[in-house]
Amino acid sequence: MIVTRFAPSPTGYMHIGNLRTALYSYLISKHEDGKFILRIEDTDRERFVEGATDIIKSTLSITGLGYDEGPDVGGDHGPYVQSERKEIYMEYAKKLVDMGYAYYCFCTKDRLEKLHEEDATGGYDRHCRNLSPEEVQRNLDAGIPFVIRQKMPLEGTTSYVDSVFGEISMNNSELQDQILMKADGYPTYNFCHVIDDHLMGVTHVVRGSEYLTSTPKYVLLYDAYGWERPTYVHLPLIMGRNEDGSISKLSKRHGAVSFQDLIADGYLPEAVVNYLALLGWCPKNSETEFFTLDELKSVFTIDGVSKSPSVFDYEKLLWFNGEYIHKLSPEKFEELVTPFIKCEIPSTVNKARMLELLRTRITKLSEINERMAFFISLPDYERELFLNKKNKISDFELVKTVLTSALDILSATDSFDNDTLFAGLTPLTESLGLKTGTIMWCIRIAVSGMTATPGGATEIMEVIGKDESIARIKAAISKL
């Protein structure tokens, strides 16, 4: 059975890159009816952010990435928070020392800082690598603080096969004797994730390609313990497009980069998930870009993952989001968009009809206030807005004639629904000798103060009601 895990550090909001890693990990396991584990890697206490774990769990819940084992869910391999597993790591680190693949390092902070000053690129000089067992024991008995370092081979190469990038090899001479256990008793990421992945039965490790050159150190740990190596799936980087057209690693200067920021800006979780799935993966034999999470589980395979960096295209995400919004039912759209509405909607406004007009014309929920503003109150506009070459409107007297005639009809109309309004105004084409487009243009400008609106003149009047429509048309006549 395929077992994958998502193992984020609780250091803040969920970055888009982290969410894509979670998504791909989830899809790889679920495509084969496997298991998906959530593990919180909180051993870097300096970067720990209170409440970040709740954000991680909430994000997975919102996006539908349910985990089979993890905090609050349980399972056979807990605990699932690394800070609660400290004793496990020390036990395995000491085993590594006993087997000759690691060693105690008693170097002081001052010595290491001086070493770094002398050679900023040289790394650790392996000063404690060959201490005698007697000297190590004396230091331990004396209570001298220590770290445990991995004893890297000094010659040869270490290789492994990645499912996306193929065979990766590194000269062992380039590998530093990395710290496995810190002086505070906490493990480093480089050590604890290997122990946890093995103990939790993880078969496929999915993470960003920035770890490609670190993985030789990890496979050496697997080999030292005699454990089977997992399948590695390194994902391409996510890039952002700079103002000059160049690309660089996605960061805040490119726009919202956390899932929470996108949701707060009015993006739908389903649209974000769908877009992220395509950001580094291409479906086979598919003529659509739209996939539900269940459909993604069915079609997602590792061999569709690209090794080339992906550019996060905000315009493409916006288009995706708009398509998802347009497919919402009126009831669901109202439920989702209502929290974004910042102003009070007058009781005279037909809210349901207004939202139905706007649903197919916005691309993210946060646009609602700007798009609905003219329904709430008529914006200030210049009378030149009425002039229109396409509709052959070149003088204000023509506009005034249209509005005055329309006002008479509207004042006598009881039912202000769209069909009744349109039918009542249509006879003006014959009596005034004008095209329908010309008449409706004049009325639409009068009741909206805008040249581009969601809905036509009669649809707008249906929303704002009879009294407001007549008041706006009278105001337009006065302006003319």
Protein backbone atom coordinates (compact mmCIF):
# COMPACT_ATOMS: atom_id res chain seq x y z
CA MET A 1 0.00 0.00 0.00
CA ILE A 2 1.23 3.50 -0.86
CA VAL A 3 1.66 5.70 2.20
CA THR A 4 2.47 9.39 1.85
CA ARG A 5 2.74 12.17 4.37
CA PHE A 6 2.51 15.91 4.56
CA ALA A 7 4.91 17.20 7.19
CA PRO A 8 4.79 21.01 7.43
CA SER A 9 6.47 23.20 10.01
CA PRO A 10 4.03 25.39 11.98
CA THR A 11 5.71 28.67 11.09
CA GLY A 12 2.75 30.71 9.80
CA TYR A 13 0.23 30.65 6.98
CA MET A 14 0.11 27.86 4.42
CA HIS A 15 2.30 28.85 1.47
CA ILE A 16 1.05 27.91 -1.99
CA GLY A 17 4.09 25.67 -2.49
CA ASN A 18 3.34 23.79 0.73
CA LEU A 19 -0.29 23.32 -0.24
CA ARG A 20 0.71 21.92 -3.63
CA THR A 21 3.03 19.45 -1.87
CA ALA A 22 0.15 18.40 0.37
CA LEU A 23 -2.14 18.04 -2.64
CA TYR A 24 0.29 15.92 -4.65
CA SER A 25 1.07 13.75 -1.62
CA TYR A 26 -2.64 13.22 -1.08
CA LEU A 27 -3.34 12.42 -4.74
CA ILE A 28 -0.43 10.00 -5.10
CA SER A 29 -1.69 7.92 -2.18
CA LYS A 30 -5.40 8.16 -2.96
CA HIS A 31 -4.92 7.23 -6.62
CA GLU A 32 -3.92 3.79 -5.30
CA ASP A 33 -6.35 3.76 -2.35
CA GLY A 34 -3.40 4.37 -0.06
CA LYS A 35 -2.92 6.25 3.20
CA PHE A 36 -2.21 9.96 3.72
CA ILE A 37 -0.60 11.08 7.00
CA LEU A 38 -0.32 14.54 8.54
CA ARG A 39 2.75 15.06 10.72
CA ILE A 40 3.66 18.37 12.36
CA GLU A 41 7.41 19.04 12.28
CA ASP A 42 7.82 21.55 15.10
CA THR A 43 11.38 20.85 16.25
CA ASP A 44 12.62 24.24 15.02
CA ARG A 45 11.42 26.03 18.14
CA GLU A 46 12.81 29.42 17.10
CA ARG A 47 10.47 29.57 14.08
CA PHE A 48 7.44 28.04 15.82
CA VAL A 49 4.30 30.22 15.52
CA GLU A 50 1.47 29.73 17.99
CA GLY A 51 -1.75 28.75 16.21
CA ALA A 52 -0.01 27.73 12.97
CA THR A 53 -0.86 24.07 13.49
CA ASP A 54 -4.56 24.97 13.58
CA ILE A 55 -4.11 26.88 10.31
CA ILE A 56 -2.54 23.81 8.71
CA LYS A 57 -5.36 21.52 9.83
CA SER A 58 -7.99 24.06 8.80
CA THR A 59 -6.45 24.44 5.34
CA LEU A 60 -6.47 20.70 4.75
CA SER A 61 -10.08 20.54 5.90
CA ILE A 62 -11.19 23.42 3.67
CA THR A 63 -9.47 21.94 0.61
CA GLY A 64 -10.83 18.45 1.26
CA LEU A 65 -7.42 16.84 1.85
CA GLY A 66 -8.50 14.58 4.68
CA TYR A 67 -5.70 12.70 6.43
CA ASP A 68 -6.01 9.10 7.60
CA GLU A 69 -3.58 9.52 10.48
CA GLY A 70 -2.43 12.62 12.31
CA PRO A 71 -3.12 15.02 15.17
CA ASP A 72 -6.75 14.86 16.34
CA VAL A 73 -7.28 11.77 14.18
CA GLY A 74 -4.88 9.30 15.74
CA GLY A 75 -3.53 6.12 14.22
CA ASP A 76 -1.01 3.39 14.89
CA HIS A 77 2.10 5.54 14.56
CA GLY A 78 1.56 8.46 16.92
CA PRO A 79 2.27 10.85 18.35
CA TYR A 80 2.13 12.91 15.15
CA VAL A 81 3.78 16.06 16.53
CA GLN A 82 7.57 15.79 16.48
CA SER A 83 8.16 17.69 19.73
CA GLU A 84 6.26 14.88 21.45
CA ARG A 85 8.66 12.28 19.99
CA LYS A 86 12.00 13.60 21.38
CA GLU A 87 12.95 10.40 23.18
CA ILE A 88 12.50 8.37 20.00
CA TYR A 89 15.04 10.47 18.08
CA MET A 90 17.70 10.36 20.79
CA GLU A 91 17.37 6.59 20.98
CA TYR A 92 17.91 6.21 17.24
CA ALA A 93 20.73 8.76 17.20
CA LYS A 94 22.64 6.83 19.87
CA LYS A 95 22.10 3.63 17.86
CA LEU A 96 23.74 5.36 14.94
CA VAL A 97 26.70 6.32 17.13
CA ASP A 98 27.04 2.72 18.32
CA MET A 99 27.06 1.51 14.73
CA GLY A 100 29.78 3.98 13.78
CA TYR A 101 27.67 6.19 11.49
CA ALA A 102 27.45 9.16 13.86
CA TYR A 103 29.48 10.76 16.63
CA TYR A 104 29.27 13.10 19.61
CA CYS A 105 30.52 16.63 18.92
CA PHE A 106 31.48 18.78 21.93
CA CYS A 107 32.64 21.87 20.02
CA THR A 108 31.60 25.11 21.67
CA LYS A 109 29.59 27.82 19.97
CA ASP A 110 32.63 30.13 20.09
CA ARG A 111 34.81 27.59 18.33
CA LEU A 112 32.25 27.03 15.58
CA GLU A 113 31.78 30.76 15.07
CA LYS A 114 35.53 31.28 14.80
CA LEU A 115 35.73 28.38 12.35
CA HIS A 116 33.04 30.00 10.25
CA GLU A 117 34.87 33.35 10.30
CA GLU A 118 38.02 31.70 9.03
CA ASP A 119 36.24 29.84 6.24
CA ALA A 120 32.63 30.83 5.57
CA THR A 121 32.16 28.05 3.00
CA GLY A 122 34.12 25.21 4.56
CA GLY A 123 31.53 23.91 7.00
CA TYR A 124 32.50 21.87 10.04
CA ASP A 125 36.11 20.62 10.20
CA ARG A 126 35.20 17.25 11.78
CA HIS A 127 37.22 18.14 14.89
CA CYS A 128 35.35 15.64 17.11
CA ARG A 129 34.92 12.92 14.49
CA ASN A 130 37.75 10.72 15.73
CA LEU A 131 37.69 11.28 19.49
CA SER A 132 38.57 8.14 21.42
CA PRO A 133 35.75 6.32 23.22
CA GLU A 134 37.43 7.19 26.51
CA GLU A 135 37.50 10.91 25.75
CA VAL A 136 33.88 10.86 24.62
CA GLN A 137 32.84 9.14 27.84
CA ARG A 138 34.81 11.61 30.00
CA ASN A 139 33.05 14.51 28.28
CA LEU A 140 29.65 12.89 28.72
CA ASP A 141 30.35 12.16 32.38
CA ALA A 142 31.42 15.77 32.88
CA GLY A 143 28.10 16.98 31.48
CA ILE A 144 29.67 18.86 28.58
CA PRO A 145 26.95 19.91 26.08
CA PHE A 146 27.02 17.97 22.83
CA VAL A 147 25.37 17.53 19.47
CA ILE A 148 25.32 14.32 17.47
CA ARG A 149 26.65 14.55 13.91
CA GLN A 150 26.27 12.18 11.01
CA LYS A 151 29.59 10.59 9.96
CA MET A 152 29.62 10.99 6.19
CA PRO A 153 31.76 8.77 3.96
CA LEU A 154 34.80 10.71 2.74
CA GLU A 155 35.19 9.02 -0.64
CA GLY A 156 33.02 7.73 -3.46
CA THR A 157 29.54 8.87 -4.44
CA THR A 158 26.01 8.46 -3.11
CA SER A 159 23.17 8.04 -5.60
CA TYR A 160 19.42 7.62 -5.54
CA VAL A 161 16.64 7.60 -8.10
CA ASP A 162 13.96 10.28 -8.04
CA SER A 163 10.63 9.60 -9.77
CA VAL A 164 10.66 12.97 -11.50
CA PHE A 165 14.32 13.92 -11.99
CA GLY A 166 15.85 10.48 -12.46
CA GLU A 167 19.18 9.44 -10.95
CA ILE A 168 20.83 11.97 -8.67
CA SER A 169 24.44 11.51 -7.55
CA MET A 170 26.73 13.49 -5.28
CA ASN A 171 30.37 13.11 -4.41
CA ASN A 172 30.62 12.15 -0.77
CA SER A 173 33.42 14.68 -0.35
CA GLU A 174 30.78 17.40 -0.77
CA LEU A 175 28.63 16.11 2.11
CA GLN A 176 29.06 17.83 5.47
CA ASP A 177 28.86 15.99 8.77
CA GLN A 178 25.43 17.41 9.49
CA ILE A 179 23.95 17.73 12.96
CA LEU A 180 21.33 15.12 13.77
CA MET A 181 20.56 15.99 17.40
CA LYS A 182 20.95 19.53 18.72
CA ALA A 183 22.31 20.51 22.12
CA ASP A 184 18.78 21.20 23.39
CA GLY A 185 17.84 17.57 22.82
CA TYR A 186 15.71 18.31 19.75
CA PRO A 187 16.48 16.64 16.41
CA THR A 188 17.13 18.53 13.20
CA TYR A 189 14.80 18.14 10.25
CA ASN A 190 17.57 16.29 8.45
CA PHE A 191 17.34 13.47 10.99
CA CYS A 192 13.86 13.27 12.46
CA HIS A 193 11.95 13.13 9.18
CA VAL A 194 13.92 10.03 8.18
CA ILE A 195 13.14 8.29 11.48
CA ASP A 196 9.49 9.28 11.34
CA ASP A 197 9.02 8.28 7.70
CA HIS A 198 10.41 4.83 8.43
CA LEU A 199 8.47 4.29 11.65
CA MET A 200 5.23 5.51 10.03
CA GLY A 201 5.65 3.25 7.02
CA VAL A 202 5.91 6.08 4.48
CA THR A 203 6.57 4.61 1.03
CA HIS A 204 6.63 7.81 -1.05
CA VAL A 205 8.28 11.06 0.08
CA VAL A 206 6.88 14.04 -1.83
CA ARG A 207 8.61 17.43 -1.45
CA GLY A 208 10.08 20.37 -3.34
CA SER A 209 13.05 20.04 -5.67
CA GLU A 210 15.13 22.25 -3.36
CA TYR A 211 15.76 19.01 -1.40
CA LEU A 212 17.25 17.15 -4.36
CA THR A 213 20.84 17.72 -3.25
CA SER A 214 20.08 17.05 0.43
CA THR A 215 18.55 13.65 -0.16
CA PRO A 216 21.89 11.77 -0.51
CA LYS A 217 22.42 12.52 3.19
CA TYR A 218 19.04 11.02 3.97
CA VAL A 219 19.49 7.83 1.96
CA LEU A 220 22.79 7.26 3.79
CA LEU A 221 20.78 7.20 7.02
CA TYR A 222 18.37 4.64 5.57
CA ASP A 223 21.32 2.53 4.45
CA ALA A 224 23.04 2.82 7.83
CA TYR A 225 19.99 1.41 9.61
CA GLY A 226 19.46 -1.22 6.94
CA TRP A 227 16.05 0.18 6.06
CA GLU A 228 14.43 0.18 2.63
CA ARG A 229 14.62 3.55 0.96
CA PRO A 230 11.29 5.23 0.12
CA THR A 231 10.34 6.38 -3.36
CA TYR A 232 11.29 10.04 -3.77
CA VAL A 233 9.09 12.46 -5.70
CA HIS A 234 10.64 15.91 -5.92
CA LEU A 235 8.35 18.61 -7.31
CA PRO A 236 9.40 21.47 -9.60
CA LEU A 237 9.77 24.93 -8.14
CA ILE A 238 6.89 27.40 -8.30
CA MET A 239 8.04 30.68 -9.81
CA GLY A 240 6.52 34.14 -10.04
CA ARG A 241 6.71 36.56 -12.96
CA ASN A 242 8.52 39.83 -12.24
CA GLU A 243 7.55 43.23 -13.64
CA ASP A 244 10.34 43.06 -16.23
CA GLY A 245 9.07 39.70 -17.51
CA SER A 246 11.74 37.60 -15.83
CA ILE A 247 10.83 34.89 -13.36
CA SER A 248 12.05 34.15 -9.86
CA LYS A 249 10.95 31.98 -6.94
CA LEU A 250 7.39 32.87 -5.93
CA SER A 251 7.32 35.44 -3.12
CA LYS A 252 5.09 38.15 -1.69
CA ARG A 253 6.26 40.69 -4.26
CA HIS A 254 4.38 38.67 -6.88
CA GLY A 255 1.07 38.87 -4.98
CA ALA A 256 -0.77 36.68 -2.48
CA VAL A 257 1.31 33.56 -1.83
CA SER A 258 -0.58 31.93 1.03
CA PHE A 259 -3.79 29.96 0.78
CA GLN A 260 -5.34 32.14 3.48
CA ASP A 261 -4.56 35.30 1.50
CA LEU A 262 -6.23 33.89 -1.59
CA ILE A 263 -9.35 32.83 0.31
CA ALA A 264 -9.53 36.24 2.00
CA ASP A 265 -9.34 37.82 -1.47
CA GLY A 266 -12.37 35.87 -2.64
CA TYR A 267 -10.93 32.80 -4.33
CA LEU A 268 -12.81 29.51 -3.96
CA PRO A 269 -10.90 26.58 -2.41
CA GLU A 270 -12.01 24.29 -5.25
CA ALA A 271 -10.59 26.68 -7.85
CA VAL A 272 -7.28 27.01 -6.00
CA VAL A 273 -6.93 23.23 -5.68
CA ASN A 274 -7.77 22.69 -9.34
CA TYR A 275 -5.24 25.31 -10.46
CA LEU A 276 -2.50 24.03 -8.14
CA ALA A 277 -2.96 20.50 -9.45
CA LEU A 278 -2.03 21.76 -12.92
CA LEU A 279 0.95 23.74 -11.63
CA GLY A 280 3.59 21.13 -12.39
CA TRP A 281 1.42 18.23 -13.52
CA CYS A 282 -0.30 17.48 -16.82
CA PRO A 283 -3.20 15.03 -17.16
CA LYS A 284 -3.02 12.39 -19.86
CA ASN A 285 -5.58 12.17 -22.65
CA SER A 286 -7.78 14.88 -21.17
CA GLU A 287 -9.50 17.66 -23.05
CA THR A 288 -10.45 19.61 -19.94
CA GLU A 289 -8.58 21.58 -17.31
CA PHE A 290 -11.40 21.34 -14.79
CA PHE A 291 -11.23 18.57 -12.22
CA THR A 292 -12.99 17.94 -8.94
CA LEU A 293 -10.86 16.47 -6.17
CA ASP A 294 -12.42 13.03 -6.76
CA GLU A 295 -11.60 13.30 -10.47
CA LEU A 296 -8.02 14.29 -9.64
CA LYS A 297 -7.67 11.22 -7.43
CA SER A 298 -8.73 9.12 -10.39
CA VAL A 299 -6.38 10.60 -13.02
CA PHE A 300 -3.32 11.79 -11.06
CA THR A 301 -0.13 9.81 -11.66
CA ILE A 302 3.50 10.56 -10.85
CA ASP A 303 4.66 10.26 -14.45
CA GLY A 304 2.58 13.33 -15.28
CA VAL A 305 4.69 15.53 -12.96
CA SER A 306 7.07 17.85 -14.83
CA LYS A 307 10.64 18.60 -13.81
CA SER A 308 10.44 22.12 -15.26
CA PRO A 309 9.64 25.04 -12.92
CA SER A 310 6.04 26.26 -13.04
CA VAL A 311 5.04 29.92 -13.17
CA PHE A 312 2.18 30.90 -10.88
CA ASP A 313 -0.09 32.84 -13.25
CA TYR A 314 -2.50 35.01 -11.25
CA GLU A 315 -4.53 35.81 -14.38
CA LYS A 316 -5.04 32.10 -15.08
CA LEU A 317 -6.06 31.49 -11.46
CA LEU A 318 -8.47 34.42 -11.68
CA TRP A 319 -10.02 32.93 -14.82
CA PHE A 320 -10.32 29.55 -13.12
CA ASN A 321 -11.95 31.16 -10.12
CA GLY A 322 -14.42 33.06 -12.25
CA GLU A 323 -15.47 29.87 -13.99
CA TYR A 324 -16.06 28.18 -10.64
CA ILE A 325 -18.09 31.14 -9.35
CA HIS A 326 -20.23 31.24 -12.48
CA LYS A 327 -21.18 27.58 -11.96
CA LEU A 328 -22.41 28.13 -8.40
CA SER A 329 -26.10 27.90 -7.69
CA PRO A 330 -27.71 31.26 -6.80
CA GLU A 331 -28.21 30.03 -3.23
CA LYS A 332 -24.59 28.92 -2.82
CA PHE A 333 -23.26 32.11 -4.37
CA GLU A 334 -25.29 34.24 -1.95
CA GLU A 335 -24.02 32.17 0.97
CA LEU A 336 -20.38 32.57 -0.06
CA VAL A 337 -20.45 36.20 -1.16
CA THR A 338 -22.46 37.64 1.74
CA PRO A 339 -19.47 37.79 4.15
CA PHE A 340 -17.65 39.95 1.59
CA ILE A 341 -20.42 42.57 1.36
CA LYS A 342 -19.33 45.62 3.35
CA CYS A 343 -22.33 47.92 2.93
CA GLU A 344 -25.97 47.72 3.92
CA ILE A 345 -28.27 46.83 1.05
CA PRO A 346 -31.48 48.94 1.05
CA SER A 347 -34.69 46.98 1.45
CA THR A 348 -35.91 48.44 -1.85
CA VAL A 349 -33.15 46.62 -3.73
CA ASN A 350 -33.98 43.14 -5.01
CA LYS A 351 -30.92 41.49 -3.47
CA ALA A 352 -31.48 38.04 -4.94
CA ARG A 353 -31.88 39.43 -8.47
CA MET A 354 -28.86 41.71 -8.04
CA LEU A 355 -26.63 38.83 -6.92
CA GLU A 356 -27.85 36.67 -9.77
CA LEU A 357 -26.82 39.37 -12.25
CA LEU A 358 -23.41 39.71 -10.59
CA ARG A 359 -22.72 35.97 -10.15
CA THR A 360 -21.76 35.43 -13.78
CA ARG A 361 -19.86 38.69 -14.03
CA ILE A 362 -17.31 38.60 -11.20
CA THR A 363 -14.10 36.58 -11.02
CA LYS A 364 -13.56 36.66 -7.26
CA LEU A 365 -15.89 37.24 -4.35
CA SER A 366 -14.09 40.36 -3.13
CA GLU A 367 -15.17 42.20 -6.29
CA ILE A 368 -18.76 42.24 -5.08
CA ASN A 369 -18.69 45.66 -3.39
CA GLU A 370 -17.26 47.48 -6.39
CA ARG A 371 -19.56 45.72 -8.84
CA MET A 372 -22.75 46.26 -6.82
CA ALA A 373 -22.05 49.87 -5.79
CA PHE A 374 -24.13 51.48 -8.56
CA PHE A 375 -27.17 49.44 -7.51
CA ILE A 376 -26.93 50.89 -4.01
CA SER A 377 -26.41 54.51 -5.04
CA LEU A 378 -26.15 56.29 -8.38
CA PRO A 379 -22.56 57.35 -9.08
CA ASP A 380 -21.81 60.87 -10.23
CA TYR A 381 -21.40 60.97 -14.00
CA GLU A 382 -21.07 63.47 -16.86
CA ARG A 383 -23.91 63.84 -19.35
CA GLU A 384 -21.45 63.14 -22.19
CA LEU A 385 -21.77 59.49 -21.18
CA PHE A 386 -25.08 59.37 -23.10
CA LEU A 387 -23.43 60.15 -26.43
CA ASN A 388 -22.65 57.00 -28.39
CA LYS A 389 -21.58 56.66 -32.03
CA LYS A 390 -22.60 53.02 -32.33
CA ASN A 391 -26.18 53.84 -31.36
CA LYS A 392 -26.07 57.10 -33.37
CA ILE A 393 -26.67 59.29 -30.33
CA SER A 394 -24.98 62.62 -31.00
CA ASP A 395 -27.18 65.19 -29.24
CA PHE A 396 -28.72 65.51 -25.79
CA GLU A 397 -32.18 66.42 -27.08
CA LEU A 398 -32.58 62.90 -28.49
CA VAL A 399 -31.63 61.41 -25.12
CA LYS A 400 -34.04 63.73 -23.32
CA THR A 401 -36.86 62.71 -25.65
CA VAL A 402 -36.18 59.00 -25.03
CA LEU A 403 -36.05 59.42 -21.24
CA THR A 404 -39.15 61.59 -21.07
CA SER A 405 -41.12 59.07 -23.12
CA ALA A 406 -39.78 56.16 -21.05
CA LEU A 407 -40.69 57.99 -17.84
CA ASP A 408 -44.33 58.17 -18.88
CA ILE A 409 -44.42 54.42 -19.54
CA LEU A 410 -42.58 53.48 -16.36
CA SER A 411 -44.76 55.67 -14.17
CA ALA A 412 -47.83 53.77 -15.38
CA THR A 413 -46.22 50.34 -14.98
CA ASP A 414 -47.16 48.38 -11.87
CA SER A 415 -45.08 45.23 -12.33
CA PHE A 416 -41.38 46.00 -12.41
CA ASP A 417 -40.02 42.64 -13.50
CA ASN A 418 -37.62 42.48 -16.43
CA ASP A 419 -39.98 40.95 -18.99
CA THR A 420 -42.81 43.41 -18.26
CA LEU A 421 -40.45 46.38 -18.41
CA PHE A 422 -38.92 45.29 -21.70
CA ALA A 423 -42.33 44.66 -23.26
CA GLY A 424 -43.61 48.04 -22.06
CA LEU A 425 -40.67 49.99 -23.48
CA THR A 426 -40.43 48.18 -26.82
CA PRO A 427 -43.23 50.27 -28.48
CA LEU A 428 -40.95 53.33 -28.22
CA THR A 429 -38.96 51.95 -31.14
CA GLU A 430 -41.94 52.56 -33.41
CA SER A 431 -43.24 55.80 -31.88
CA LEU A 432 -39.80 57.44 -31.79
CA GLY A 433 -38.43 55.73 -34.90
CA LEU A 434 -35.37 54.48 -33.01
CA LYS A 435 -33.69 51.13 -32.60
CA THR A 436 -34.15 49.17 -29.38
CA GLY A 437 -30.43 49.46 -28.63
CA THR A 438 -30.60 53.26 -28.75
CA ILE A 439 -33.53 53.43 -26.34
CA MET A 440 -32.03 50.95 -23.90
CA TRP A 441 -28.65 52.70 -23.98
CA CYS A 442 -30.20 55.98 -22.88
CA ILE A 443 -32.18 54.35 -20.07
CA ARG A 444 -29.22 52.24 -18.89
CA ILE A 445 -26.93 55.26 -18.57
CA ALA A 446 -29.68 57.10 -16.67
CA VAL A 447 -30.32 54.32 -14.13
CA SER A 448 -26.69 53.21 -13.69
CA GLY A 449 -24.40 56.14 -14.51
CA MET A 450 -22.12 53.63 -16.23
CA THR A 451 -21.41 52.49 -19.80
CA ALA A 452 -20.63 48.90 -18.84
CA THR A 453 -22.95 47.14 -16.41
CA PRO A 454 -23.95 43.65 -15.33
CA GLY A 455 -27.33 43.36 -16.98
CA GLY A 456 -29.25 45.66 -19.28
CA ALA A 457 -31.50 48.65 -18.53
CA THR A 458 -34.61 46.66 -17.65
CA GLU A 459 -32.67 44.16 -15.51
CA ILE A 460 -31.12 47.02 -13.54
CA MET A 461 -34.53 48.63 -12.99
CA GLU A 462 -35.91 45.30 -11.78
CA VAL A 463 -33.17 45.31 -9.12
CA ILE A 464 -33.45 48.91 -7.90
CA GLY A 465 -37.25 49.09 -8.09
CA LYS A 466 -39.78 51.52 -9.49
CA ASP A 467 -39.27 54.53 -7.20
CA GLU A 468 -35.49 54.53 -7.54
CA SER A 469 -35.63 53.97 -11.31
CA ILE A 470 -37.98 56.90 -11.83
CA ALA A 471 -35.91 59.11 -9.51
CA ARG A 472 -32.72 58.33 -11.43
CA ILE A 473 -34.34 58.98 -14.81
CA LYS A 474 -35.70 62.32 -13.57
CA ALA A 475 -32.23 63.22 -12.32
CA ALA A 476 -30.82 62.39 -15.75
CA ILE A 477 -33.37 64.61 -17.48
CA SER A 478 -32.38 67.47 -15.16
CA LYS A 479 -28.69 66.80 -15.94
CA LEU A 480 -29.49 67.01 -19.65
